């Protein structure tokens, strides 16, 4: 998988694949999430990407990712809520 938005190959960790399976999220939906979701950076390389999918009842869906040579998907969450930034 390749992300045009981040101009990087996407690497999905084993943990993230397991969470995708548990949460019923396929690679096409993950790709849409990465390309069009709202982003919030923790620092220069770590961020969350979240998106509401109309057909899902467990929104928001969120990926925790790291920007390195690749875009590394560390985990995938559902029933996600943004925390207030201080």
PDB file of N, CA and C in Angstrom:
ATOM      1  N   UNK A   1       0.857  -1.165   0.000  1.00  0.00           N
ATOM      2  CA  UNK A   1       0.000   0.000   0.000  1.00  0.00           C
ATOM      3  C   UNK A   1       0.910   1.237   0.000  1.00  0.00           C
ATOM      4  N   UNK A   2       0.445   2.255  -0.694  1.00  0.00           N
ATOM      5  CA  UNK A   2       1.203   3.504  -0.797  1.00  0.00           C
ATOM      6  C   UNK A   2       0.278   4.666  -0.432  1.00  0.00           C
ATOM      7  N   UNK A   3       0.797   5.628   0.315  1.00  0.00           N
ATOM      8  CA  UNK A   3       0.030   6.822   0.668  1.00  0.00           C
ATOM      9  C   UNK A   3       0.500   7.994  -0.183  1.00  0.00           C
ATOM     10  N   UNK A   4      -0.385   8.481  -1.043  1.00  0.00           N
ATOM     11  CA  UNK A   4      -0.071   9.686  -1.823  1.00  0.00           C
ATOM     12  C   UNK A   4      -0.001  10.902  -0.902  1.00  0.00           C
ATOM     13  N   UNK A   5      -0.886  10.938   0.082  1.00  0.00           N
ATOM     14  CA  UNK A   5      -0.946  12.068   1.012  1.00  0.00           C
ATOM     15  C   UNK A   5       0.389  12.280   1.725  1.00  0.00           C
ATOM     16  N   UNK A   6       1.007  11.191   2.160  1.00  0.00           N
ATOM     17  CA  UNK A   6       2.262  11.275   2.905  1.00  0.00           C
ATOM     18  C   UNK A   6       3.483  10.925   2.048  1.00  0.00           C
ATOM     19  N   UNK A   7       3.246  10.567   0.784  1.00  0.00           N
ATOM     20  CA  UNK A   7       4.309  10.259  -0.161  1.00  0.00           C
ATOM     21  C   UNK A   7       5.252   9.180   0.385  1.00  0.00           C
ATOM     22  N   UNK A   8       4.642   8.112   0.911  1.00  0.00           N
ATOM     23  CA  UNK A   8       5.418   7.018   1.511  1.00  0.00           C
ATOM     24  C   UNK A   8       4.700   5.687   1.323  1.00  0.00           C
ATOM     25  N   UNK A   9       5.480   4.628   1.328  1.00  0.00           N
ATOM     26  CA  UNK A   9       4.915   3.289   1.435  1.00  0.00           C
ATOM     27  C   UNK A   9       4.314   3.159   2.823  1.00  0.00           C
ATOM     28  N   UNK A  10       3.280   2.344   2.941  1.00  0.00           N
ATOM     29  CA  UNK A  10       2.615   2.123   4.223  1.00  0.00           C
ATOM     30  C   UNK A  10       3.002   0.745   4.745  1.00  0.00           C
ATOM     31  N   UNK A  11       3.450   0.709   5.982  1.00  0.00           N
ATOM     32  CA  UNK A  11       3.743  -0.557   6.655  1.00  0.00           C
ATOM     33  C   UNK A  11       2.746  -0.713   7.792  1.00  0.00           C
ATOM     34  N   UNK A  12       2.049  -1.836   7.820  1.00  0.00           N
ATOM     35  CA  UNK A  12       1.055  -2.112   8.848  1.00  0.00           C
ATOM     36  C   UNK A  12       1.647  -3.154   9.796  1.00  0.00           C
ATOM     37  N   UNK A  13       1.831  -2.783  11.057  1.00  0.00           N
ATOM     38  CA  UNK A  13       2.406  -3.718  12.021  1.00  0.00           C
ATOM     39  C   UNK A  13       1.464  -4.910  12.243  1.00  0.00           C
ATOM     40  N   UNK A  14       2.020  -5.975  12.775  1.00  0.00           N
ATOM     41  CA  UNK A  14       1.222  -7.163  13.097  1.00  0.00           C
ATOM     42  C   UNK A  14       0.108  -6.793  14.085  1.00  0.00           C
ATOM     43  N   UNK A  15       0.447  -5.966  15.064  1.00  0.00           N
ATOM     44  CA  UNK A  15      -0.549  -5.513  16.041  1.00  0.00           C
ATOM     45  C   UNK A  15      -1.691  -4.767  15.346  1.00  0.00           C
ATOM     46  N   UNK A  16      -1.354  -3.861  14.432  1.00  0.00           N
ATOM     47  CA  UNK A  16      -2.377  -3.087  13.725  1.00  0.00           C
ATOM     48  C   UNK A  16      -3.248  -4.002  12.858  1.00  0.00           C
ATOM     49  N   UNK A  17      -2.637  -4.984  12.199  1.00  0.00           N
ATOM     50  CA  UNK A  17      -3.429  -5.931  11.388  1.00  0.00           C
ATOM     51  C   UNK A  17      -4.420  -6.710  12.259  1.00  0.00           C
ATOM     52  N   UNK A  18      -3.961  -7.116  13.441  1.00  0.00           N
ATOM     53  CA  UNK A  18      -4.841  -7.836  14.366  1.00  0.00           C
ATOM     54  C   UNK A  18      -5.997  -6.944  14.788  1.00  0.00           C
ATOM     55  N   UNK A  19      -5.714  -5.686  15.112  1.00  0.00           N
ATOM     56  CA  UNK A  19      -6.771  -4.745  15.515  1.00  0.00           C
ATOM     57  C   UNK A  19      -7.720  -4.447  14.347  1.00  0.00           C
ATOM     58  N   UNK A  20      -7.190  -4.354  13.128  1.00  0.00           N
ATOM     59  CA  UNK A  20      -8.048  -4.151  11.956  1.00  0.00           C
ATOM     60  C   UNK A  20      -9.033  -5.310  11.830  1.00  0.00           C
ATOM     61  N   UNK A  21      -8.526  -6.530  11.980  1.00  0.00           N
ATOM     62  CA  UNK A  21      -9.382  -7.706  11.874  1.00  0.00           C
ATOM     63  C   UNK A  21     -10.448  -7.694  12.975  1.00  0.00           C
ATOM     64  N   UNK A  22     -10.053  -7.409  14.202  1.00  0.00           N
ATOM     65  CA  UNK A  22     -11.001  -7.369  15.320  1.00  0.00           C
ATOM     66  C   UNK A  22     -12.069  -6.304  15.120  1.00  0.00           C
ATOM     67  N   UNK A  23     -11.693  -5.209  14.473  1.00  0.00           N
ATOM     68  CA  UNK A  23     -12.613  -4.083  14.306  1.00  0.00           C
ATOM     69  C   UNK A  23     -13.293  -4.058  12.938  1.00  0.00           C
ATOM     70  N   UNK A  24     -13.047  -5.084  12.125  1.00  0.00           N
ATOM     71  CA  UNK A  24     -13.724  -5.189  10.837  1.00  0.00           C
ATOM     72  C   UNK A  24     -13.345  -4.100   9.860  1.00  0.00           C
ATOM     73  N   UNK A  25     -12.083  -3.688   9.889  1.00  0.00           N
ATOM     74  CA  UNK A  25     -11.595  -2.640   8.995  1.00  0.00           C
ATOM     75  C   UNK A  25     -10.696  -3.280   7.942  1.00  0.00           C
ATOM     76  N   UNK A  26     -11.035  -3.108   6.662  1.00  0.00           N
ATOM     77  CA  UNK A  26     -10.208  -3.706   5.616  1.00  0.00           C
ATOM     78  C   UNK A  26      -9.171  -2.705   5.106  1.00  0.00           C
ATOM     79  N   UNK A  27      -8.282  -3.160   4.221  1.00  0.00           N
ATOM     80  CA  UNK A  27      -7.201  -2.296   3.735  1.00  0.00           C
ATOM     81  C   UNK A  27      -7.724  -1.120   2.916  1.00  0.00           C
ATOM     82  N   UNK A  28      -8.812  -1.302   2.188  1.00  0.00           N
ATOM     83  CA  UNK A  28      -9.388  -0.185   1.422  1.00  0.00           C
ATOM     84  C   UNK A  28      -9.868   0.912   2.364  1.00  0.00           C
ATOM     85  N   UNK A  29     -10.509   0.527   3.463  1.00  0.00           N
ATOM     86  CA  UNK A  29     -10.969   1.511   4.445  1.00  0.00           C
ATOM     87  C   UNK A  29      -9.787   2.156   5.157  1.00  0.00           C
ATOM     88  N   UNK A  30      -8.752   1.371   5.464  1.00  0.00           N
ATOM     89  CA  UNK A  30      -7.556   1.942   6.080  1.00  0.00           C
ATOM     90  C   UNK A  30      -6.922   2.956   5.137  1.00  0.00           C
ATOM     91  N   UNK A  31      -6.850   2.625   3.866  1.00  0.00           N
ATOM     92  CA  UNK A  31      -6.286   3.547   2.881  1.00  0.00           C
ATOM     93  C   UNK A  31      -7.091   4.844   2.829  1.00  0.00           C
ATOM     94  N   UNK A  32      -8.415   4.741   2.821  1.00  0.00           N
ATOM     95  CA  UNK A  32      -9.275   5.935   2.823  1.00  0.00           C
ATOM     96  C   UNK A  32      -9.047   6.753   4.089  1.00  0.00           C
ATOM     97  N   UNK A  33      -8.924   6.072   5.220  1.00  0.00           N
ATOM     98  CA  UNK A  33      -8.643   6.745   6.490  1.00  0.00           C
ATOM     99  C   UNK A  33      -7.335   7.522   6.412  1.00  0.00           C
ATOM    100  N   UNK A  34      -6.278   6.877   5.925  1.00  0.00           N
ATOM    101  CA  UNK A  34      -4.969   7.527   5.848  1.00  0.00           C
ATOM    102  C   UNK A  34      -4.968   8.706   4.879  1.00  0.00           C
ATOM    103  N   UNK A  35      -5.684   8.577   3.781  1.00  0.00           N
ATOM    104  CA  UNK A  35      -5.668   9.610   2.743  1.00  0.00           C
ATOM    105  C   UNK A  35      -6.584  10.787   3.043  1.00  0.00           C
ATOM    106  N   UNK A  36      -7.682  10.558   3.764  1.00  0.00           N
ATOM    107  CA  UNK A  36      -8.678  11.630   3.906  1.00  0.00           C
ATOM    108  C   UNK A  36      -9.052  11.958   5.349  1.00  0.00           C
ATOM    109  N   UNK A  37      -8.509  11.216   6.318  1.00  0.00           N
ATOM    110  CA  UNK A  37      -8.864  11.455   7.709  1.00  0.00           C
ATOM    111  C   UNK A  37      -8.256  12.732   8.264  1.00  0.00           C
ATOM    112  N   UNK A  38      -8.834  13.195   9.357  1.00  0.00           N
ATOM    113  CA  UNK A  38      -8.325  14.374  10.063  1.00  0.00           C
ATOM    114  C   UNK A  38      -7.075  13.969  10.840  1.00  0.00           C
ATOM    115  N   UNK A  39      -6.061  14.821  10.814  1.00  0.00           N
ATOM    116  CA  UNK A  39      -4.803  14.494  11.487  1.00  0.00           C
ATOM    117  C   UNK A  39      -4.600  15.362  12.725  1.00  0.00           C
ATOM    118  N   UNK A  40      -3.897  14.782  13.684  1.00  0.00           N
ATOM    119  CA  UNK A  40      -3.460  15.524  14.853  1.00  0.00           C
ATOM    120  C   UNK A  40      -2.084  14.982  15.230  1.00  0.00           C
ATOM    121  N   UNK A  41      -1.078  15.855  15.187  1.00  0.00           N
ATOM    122  CA  UNK A  41       0.304  15.454  15.452  1.00  0.00           C
ATOM    123  C   UNK A  41       0.598  15.495  16.945  1.00  0.00           C
ATOM    124  N   UNK A  42       1.279  14.458  17.441  1.00  0.00           N
ATOM    125  CA  UNK A  42       1.794  14.443  18.809  1.00  0.00           C
ATOM    126  C   UNK A  42       3.138  15.154  18.841  1.00  0.00           C
ATOM    127  N   UNK A  43       3.952  14.912  17.813  1.00  0.00           N
ATOM    128  CA  UNK A  43       5.245  15.574  17.632  1.00  0.00           C
ATOM    129  C   UNK A  43       5.564  15.532  16.137  1.00  0.00           C
ATOM    130  N   UNK A  44       6.806  15.697  15.760  1.00  0.00           N
ATOM    131  CA  UNK A  44       7.160  15.774  14.330  1.00  0.00           C
ATOM    132  C   UNK A  44       6.923  14.478  13.571  1.00  0.00           C
ATOM    133  N   UNK A  45       6.946  13.343  14.251  1.00  0.00           N
ATOM    134  CA  UNK A  45       6.818  12.072  13.535  1.00  0.00           C
ATOM    135  C   UNK A  45       5.622  11.223  13.942  1.00  0.00           C
ATOM    136  N   UNK A  46       5.009  11.501  15.078  1.00  0.00           N
ATOM    137  CA  UNK A  46       3.893  10.679  15.551  1.00  0.00           C
ATOM    138  C   UNK A  46       2.583  11.453  15.446  1.00  0.00           C
ATOM    139  N   UNK A  47       1.563  10.756  14.940  1.00  0.00           N
ATOM    140  CA  UNK A  47       0.270  11.400  14.784  1.00  0.00           C
ATOM    141  C   UNK A  47      -0.863  10.400  14.808  1.00  0.00           C
ATOM    142  N   UNK A  48      -2.067  10.924  14.940  1.00  0.00           N
ATOM    143  CA  UNK A  48      -3.288  10.152  14.840  1.00  0.00           C
ATOM    144  C   UNK A  48      -4.026  10.639  13.598  1.00  0.00           C
ATOM    145  N   UNK A  49      -4.683   9.708  12.937  1.00  0.00           N
ATOM    146  CA  UNK A  49      -5.524  10.034  11.789  1.00  0.00           C
ATOM    147  C   UNK A  49      -6.884   9.414  12.056  1.00  0.00           C
ATOM    148  N   UNK A  50      -7.936  10.227  12.064  1.00  0.00           N
ATOM    149  CA  UNK A  50      -9.277   9.735  12.410  1.00  0.00           C
ATOM    150  C   UNK A  50     -10.290  10.137  11.348  1.00  0.00           C
ATOM    151  N   UNK A  51     -11.292   9.275  11.190  1.00  0.00           N
ATOM    152  CA  UNK A  51     -12.331   9.525  10.195  1.00  0.00           C
ATOM    153  C   UNK A  51     -13.604   8.810  10.627  1.00  0.00           C
ATOM    154  N   UNK A  52     -14.733   9.458  10.367  1.00  0.00           N
ATOM    155  CA  UNK A  52     -16.044   8.831  10.564  1.00  0.00           C
ATOM    156  C   UNK A  52     -16.456   8.184   9.248  1.00  0.00           C
ATOM    157  N   UNK A  53     -16.851   6.934   9.312  1.00  0.00           N
ATOM    158  CA  UNK A  53     -17.356   6.213   8.144  1.00  0.00           C
ATOM    159  C   UNK A  53     -18.864   6.078   8.305  1.00  0.00           C
ATOM    160  N   UNK A  54     -19.605   6.546   7.328  1.00  0.00           N
ATOM    161  CA  UNK A  54     -21.073   6.569   7.401  1.00  0.00           C
ATOM    162  C   UNK A  54     -21.640   5.184   7.698  1.00  0.00           C
ATOM    163  N   UNK A  55     -21.069   4.158   7.085  1.00  0.00           N
ATOM    164  CA  UNK A  55     -21.616   2.802   7.216  1.00  0.00           C
ATOM    165  C   UNK A  55     -21.237   2.119   8.526  1.00  0.00           C
ATOM    166  N   UNK A  56     -20.420   2.749   9.355  1.00  0.00           N
ATOM    167  CA  UNK A  56     -19.978   2.136  10.614  1.00  0.00           C
ATOM    168  C   UNK A  56     -20.689   2.781  11.798  1.00  0.00           C
ATOM    169  N   UNK A  57     -20.947   2.001  12.820  1.00  0.00           N
ATOM    170  CA  UNK A  57     -21.596   2.515  14.027  1.00  0.00           C
ATOM    171  C   UNK A  57     -20.608   2.714  15.166  1.00  0.00           C
ATOM    172  N   UNK A  58     -19.323   2.438  14.920  1.00  0.00           N
ATOM    173  CA  UNK A  58     -18.297   2.529  15.961  1.00  0.00           C
ATOM    174  C   UNK A  58     -17.340   3.696  15.716  1.00  0.00           C
ATOM    175  N   UNK A  59     -17.873   4.782  15.218  1.00  0.00           N
ATOM    176  CA  UNK A  59     -17.029   5.924  14.857  1.00  0.00           C
ATOM    177  C   UNK A  59     -16.569   6.682  16.078  1.00  0.00           C
ATOM    178  N   UNK A  60     -15.521   7.401  15.991  1.00  0.00           N
ATOM    179  CA  UNK A  60     -14.525   7.583  14.948  1.00  0.00           C
ATOM    180  C   UNK A  60     -13.591   6.376  14.887  1.00  0.00           C
ATOM    181  N   UNK A  61     -13.074   6.102  13.678  1.00  0.00           N
ATOM    182  CA  UNK A  61     -12.024   5.105  13.502  1.00  0.00           C
ATOM    183  C   UNK A  61     -10.717   5.879  13.418  1.00  0.00           C
ATOM    184  N   UNK A  62      -9.681   5.392  14.091  1.00  0.00           N
ATOM    185  CA  UNK A  62      -8.432   6.135  14.189  1.00  0.00           C
ATOM    186  C   UNK A  62      -7.239   5.203  14.014  1.00  0.00           C
ATOM    187  N   UNK A  63      -6.222   5.690  13.331  1.00  0.00           N
ATOM    188  CA  UNK A  63      -4.945   4.987  13.217  1.00  0.00           C
ATOM    189  C   UNK A  63      -3.872   5.821  13.896  1.00  0.00           C
ATOM    190  N   UNK A  64      -3.082   5.170  14.736  1.00  0.00           N
ATOM    191  CA  UNK A  64      -1.902   5.804  15.319  1.00  0.00           C
ATOM    192  C   UNK A  64      -0.741   5.440  14.405  1.00  0.00           C
ATOM    193  N   UNK A  65      -0.061   6.458  13.865  1.00  0.00           N
ATOM    194  CA  UNK A  65       0.973   6.212  12.869  1.00  0.00           C
ATOM    195  C   UNK A  65       2.257   6.965  13.203  1.00  0.00           C
ATOM    196  N   UNK A  66       3.335   6.498  12.576  1.00  0.00           N
ATOM    197  CA  UNK A  66       4.644   7.118  12.720  1.00  0.00           C
ATOM    198  C   UNK A  66       5.173   7.412  11.326  1.00  0.00           C
ATOM    199  N   UNK A  67       5.668   8.641  11.120  1.00  0.00           N
ATOM    200  CA  UNK A  67       6.273   9.026   9.852  1.00  0.00           C
ATOM    201  C   UNK A  67       7.772   8.782   9.918  1.00  0.00           C
ATOM    202  N   UNK A  68       8.223   7.754   9.225  1.00  0.00           N
ATOM    203  CA  UNK A  68       9.657   7.473   9.085  1.00  0.00           C
ATOM    204  C   UNK A  68       9.915   7.362   7.591  1.00  0.00           C
ATOM    205  N   UNK A  69      10.789   6.480   7.166  1.00  0.00           N
ATOM    206  CA  UNK A  69      10.967   6.252   5.732  1.00  0.00           C
ATOM    207  C   UNK A  69       9.670   5.727   5.133  1.00  0.00           C
ATOM    208  N   UNK A  70       8.896   5.053   5.960  1.00  0.00           N
ATOM    209  CA  UNK A  70       7.573   4.560   5.598  1.00  0.00           C
ATOM    210  C   UNK A  70       6.559   5.205   6.536  1.00  0.00           C
ATOM    211  N   UNK A  71       5.290   5.104   6.174  1.00  0.00           N
ATOM    212  CA  UNK A  71       4.215   5.483   7.085  1.00  0.00           C
ATOM    213  C   UNK A  71       3.862   4.204   7.842  1.00  0.00           C
ATOM    214  N   UNK A  72       4.189   4.157   9.121  1.00  0.00           N
ATOM    215  CA  UNK A  72       4.003   2.942   9.914  1.00  0.00           C
ATOM    216  C   UNK A  72       2.709   3.053  10.706  1.00  0.00           C
ATOM    217  N   UNK A  73       1.786   2.130  10.448  1.00  0.00           N
ATOM    218  CA  UNK A  73       0.528   2.073  11.176  1.00  0.00           C
ATOM    219  C   UNK A  73       0.772   1.195  12.399  1.00  0.00           C
ATOM    220  N   UNK A  74       0.738   1.805  13.587  1.00  0.00           N
ATOM    221  CA  UNK A  74       1.047   1.100  14.833  1.00  0.00           C
ATOM    222  C   UNK A  74      -0.175   0.371  15.402  1.00  0.00           C
ATOM    223  N   UNK A  75      -1.331   1.023  15.347  1.00  0.00           N
ATOM    224  CA  UNK A  75      -2.561   0.399  15.829  1.00  0.00           C
ATOM    225  C   UNK A  75      -3.757   1.082  15.188  1.00  0.00           C
ATOM    226  N   UNK A  76      -4.903   0.435  15.298  1.00  0.00           N
ATOM    227  CA  UNK A  76      -6.160   0.976  14.784  1.00  0.00           C
ATOM    228  C   UNK A  76      -7.182   0.894  15.911  1.00  0.00           C
ATOM    229  N   UNK A  77      -7.860   2.002  16.155  1.00  0.00           N
ATOM    230  CA  UNK A  77      -8.845   2.088  17.230  1.00  0.00           C
ATOM    231  C   UNK A  77     -10.221   2.423  16.660  1.00  0.00           C
ATOM    232  N   UNK A  78     -11.250   2.118  17.424  1.00  0.00           N
ATOM    233  CA  UNK A  78     -12.609   2.556  17.078  1.00  0.00           C
ATOM    234  C   UNK A  78     -13.239   3.147  18.324  1.00  0.00           C
ATOM    235  N   UNK A  79     -14.421   3.714  18.189  1.00  0.00           N
ATOM    236  CA  UNK A  79     -15.053   4.465  19.280  1.00  0.00           C
ATOM    237  C   UNK A  79     -14.079   5.526  19.803  1.00  0.00           C
ATOM    238  N   UNK A  80     -13.325   6.112  18.887  1.00  0.00           N
ATOM    239  CA  UNK A  80     -12.271   7.067  19.220  1.00  0.00           C
ATOM    240  C   UNK A  80     -12.871   8.446  19.470  1.00  0.00           C
ATOM    241  N   UNK A  81     -12.288   9.175  20.404  1.00  0.00           N
ATOM    242  CA  UNK A  81     -12.655  10.568  20.657  1.00  0.00           C
ATOM    243  C   UNK A  81     -11.379  11.387  20.780  1.00  0.00           C
ATOM    244  N   UNK A  82     -11.371  12.532  20.154  1.00  0.00           N
ATOM    245  CA  UNK A  82     -10.209  13.428  20.267  1.00  0.00           C
ATOM    246  C   UNK A  82     -10.127  13.963  21.678  1.00  0.00           C
ATOM    247  N   UNK A  83      -8.917  14.015  22.223  1.00  0.00           N
ATOM    248  CA  UNK A  83      -8.691  14.656  23.511  1.00  0.00           C
ATOM    249  C   UNK A  83      -8.443  16.128  23.257  1.00  0.00           C
ATOM    250  N   UNK A  84      -8.787  16.940  24.209  1.00  0.00           N
ATOM    251  CA  UNK A  84      -8.526  18.373  24.097  1.00  0.00           C
ATOM    252  C   UNK A  84      -7.025  18.616  24.187  1.00  0.00           C
ATOM    253  N   UNK A  85      -6.533  19.478  23.332  1.00  0.00           N
ATOM    254  CA  UNK A  85      -5.109  19.827  23.346  1.00  0.00           C
ATOM    255  C   UNK A  85      -4.893  20.920  24.374  1.00  0.00           C
ATOM    256  N   UNK A  86      -3.822  20.813  25.151  1.00  0.00           N
ATOM    257  CA  UNK A  86      -3.541  21.854  26.146  1.00  0.00           C
ATOM    258  C   UNK A  86      -2.493  22.801  25.660  1.00  0.00           C
TER     259      UNK A  86
END
